[in-house]
Amino acid sequence: MSRRGERRAAAFLLYQHDLMDEPFASLYDSYQRDTGEPVSEFTRVRAEGVWASRERLDHAIDEAAQGWTSERMAVLERNILRLAVWEMSEGDVPAAVAIDEAVTLAKRYASPEAATLVNGILGRIARTEGVGT
């Protein structure tokens, strides 16, 4: 599976975890049953790392969202943002790549408006916090 596909899987696992509060192990089993593929280590590290860091990530998103909070955002958009901010802050993915991947996910699975919101928030975070630069 491509890195893009693995990020998509991480975003959807985070979405499911956020909505249903199911343990990741159960979600991984469901994912494998539904897709016929095991959850990769790349995806697991992201899903679990994002979830463990969600308070810090949500604070960064809230600061950059200008008038919005992560809590008020749609669950999928919030988790796409969390994933991108986590990747940028971990330093193993350039900010431009994390932003592009997040915008692509938002366009495809949410809406063009969501993609604009995601792009604006992530751009602001990358500039003001210097993450991924």
Protein backbone atom coordinates (compact mmCIF):
# COMPACT_ATOMS: atom_id res chain seq x y z
CA MET A 1 0.00 0.00 0.00
CA SER A 2 1.24 3.51 -0.75
CA ARG A 3 2.04 6.05 1.96
CA ARG A 4 -1.02 7.99 0.83
CA GLY A 5 -3.16 4.90 1.38
CA GLU A 6 -1.57 4.32 4.76
CA ARG A 7 -2.32 7.91 5.79
CA ARG A 8 -5.89 7.48 4.61
CA ALA A 9 -6.15 4.36 6.74
CA ALA A 10 -4.73 6.22 9.77
CA ALA A 11 -7.20 9.09 9.29
CA PHE A 12 -10.14 6.70 9.10
CA LEU A 13 -8.96 4.68 12.09
CA LEU A 14 -8.67 7.92 14.07
CA TYR A 15 -12.13 8.94 12.87
CA GLN A 16 -13.60 5.64 14.02
CA HIS A 17 -11.77 5.75 17.34
CA ASP A 18 -12.92 9.33 17.96
CA LEU A 19 -16.56 8.48 17.17
CA MET A 20 -16.93 5.05 18.73
CA ASP A 21 -14.22 5.02 21.41
CA GLU A 22 -13.29 1.46 20.37
CA PRO A 23 -9.80 0.23 21.21
CA PHE A 24 -7.36 0.43 18.32
CA ALA A 25 -6.80 -3.33 18.41
CA SER A 26 -10.48 -3.89 17.65
CA LEU A 27 -10.40 -1.29 14.88
CA TYR A 28 -7.30 -2.92 13.37
CA ASP A 29 -9.09 -6.27 13.33
CA SER A 30 -12.13 -4.73 11.64
CA TYR A 31 -9.92 -2.98 9.10
CA GLN A 32 -8.19 -6.23 8.20
CA ARG A 33 -11.49 -8.08 7.96
CA ASP A 34 -12.99 -5.36 5.74
CA THR A 35 -10.00 -4.78 3.45
CA GLY A 36 -8.22 -8.11 3.55
CA GLU A 37 -5.00 -6.27 4.45
CA PRO A 38 -3.33 -5.93 7.83
CA VAL A 39 -2.80 -2.45 9.26
CA SER A 40 0.80 -1.46 8.53
CA GLU A 41 3.28 -0.35 11.16
CA PHE A 42 3.37 3.07 9.46
CA THR A 43 -0.40 3.42 9.97
CA ARG A 44 -0.33 2.11 13.54
CA VAL A 45 2.42 4.50 14.59
CA ARG A 46 0.45 7.42 13.19
CA ALA A 47 -2.93 6.46 14.61
CA GLU A 48 -1.61 5.73 18.08
CA GLY A 49 0.85 8.65 18.08
CA VAL A 50 -1.83 11.13 17.04
CA TRP A 51 -4.28 9.85 19.63
CA ALA A 52 -1.68 10.03 22.41
CA SER A 53 -0.84 13.62 21.39
CA ARG A 54 -4.37 14.83 20.65
CA GLU A 55 -4.48 17.47 23.42
CA ARG A 56 -1.31 19.15 22.12
CA LEU A 57 -2.48 18.79 18.52
CA ASP A 58 -5.95 20.18 19.27
CA HIS A 59 -4.38 23.16 21.04
CA ALA A 60 -2.28 23.94 17.95
CA ILE A 61 -5.33 23.54 15.71
CA ASP A 62 -7.47 25.75 17.98
CA GLU A 63 -4.82 28.48 17.97
CA ALA A 64 -4.62 28.46 14.17
CA ALA A 65 -8.34 28.01 13.42
CA GLN A 66 -9.33 31.63 14.13
CA GLY A 67 -12.78 31.50 15.62
CA TRP A 68 -13.18 27.73 15.50
CA THR A 69 -12.18 24.99 17.86
CA SER A 70 -11.21 21.47 16.95
CA GLU A 71 -14.15 20.28 19.04
CA ARG A 72 -16.61 22.10 16.74
CA MET A 73 -15.09 20.66 13.57
CA ALA A 74 -16.41 17.61 11.78
CA VAL A 75 -14.79 14.48 13.19
CA LEU A 76 -13.06 13.51 9.95
CA GLU A 77 -11.65 17.00 9.36
CA ARG A 78 -10.40 17.19 12.95
CA ASN A 79 -8.57 13.89 12.58
CA ILE A 80 -7.10 14.78 9.19
CA LEU A 81 -5.75 17.95 10.81
CA ARG A 82 -4.43 16.07 13.83
CA LEU A 83 -2.62 13.60 11.59
CA ALA A 84 -0.96 16.33 9.51
CA VAL A 85 0.08 18.40 12.53
CA TRP A 86 1.49 15.28 14.19
CA GLU A 87 3.48 14.37 11.08
CA MET A 88 4.85 17.90 10.76
CA SER A 89 5.81 18.06 14.44
CA GLU A 90 7.49 14.67 14.40
CA GLY A 91 9.87 16.01 11.75
CA ASP A 92 9.93 12.98 9.47
CA VAL A 93 7.59 14.50 6.89
CA PRO A 94 8.15 17.92 5.30
CA ALA A 95 5.34 20.39 6.04
CA ALA A 96 4.49 20.68 2.33
CA VAL A 97 3.96 16.92 2.05
CA ALA A 98 1.84 16.71 5.22
CA ILE A 99 -0.30 19.65 4.07
CA ASP A 100 -0.74 18.28 0.55
CA GLU A 101 -1.74 14.83 1.85
CA ALA A 102 -4.23 16.36 4.32
CA VAL A 103 -5.79 18.63 1.70
CA THR A 104 -6.12 15.68 -0.68
CA LEU A 105 -7.85 13.61 2.01
CA ALA A 106 -10.21 16.47 2.88
CA LYS A 107 -11.09 17.11 -0.77
CA ARG A 108 -11.76 13.46 -1.46
CA TYR A 109 -13.59 12.45 1.69
CA ALA A 110 -15.08 15.68 3.05
CA SER A 111 -15.62 18.68 0.75
CA PRO A 112 -13.81 21.43 -1.17
CA GLU A 113 -14.66 23.79 1.70
CA ALA A 114 -13.10 21.35 4.18
CA ALA A 115 -9.97 21.20 2.03
CA THR A 116 -9.72 25.00 2.10
CA LEU A 117 -10.13 25.02 5.88
CA VAL A 118 -7.51 22.28 6.32
CA ASN A 119 -5.06 24.07 4.01
CA GLY A 120 -5.49 27.39 5.83
CA ILE A 121 -5.09 25.95 9.32
CA LEU A 122 -2.08 23.81 8.43
CA GLY A 123 -0.40 26.66 6.56
CA ARG A 124 -0.86 28.90 9.61
CA ILE A 125 0.56 26.25 11.93
CA ALA A 126 3.55 25.63 9.69
CA ARG A 127 4.30 29.37 9.57
CA THR A 128 3.66 30.37 13.17
CA GLU A 129 5.05 27.34 14.95
CA GLY A 130 7.80 26.62 12.46
CA VAL A 131 6.88 22.94 12.33
CA GLY A 132 8.24 20.94 9.48
CA THR A 133 10.47 23.76 8.33
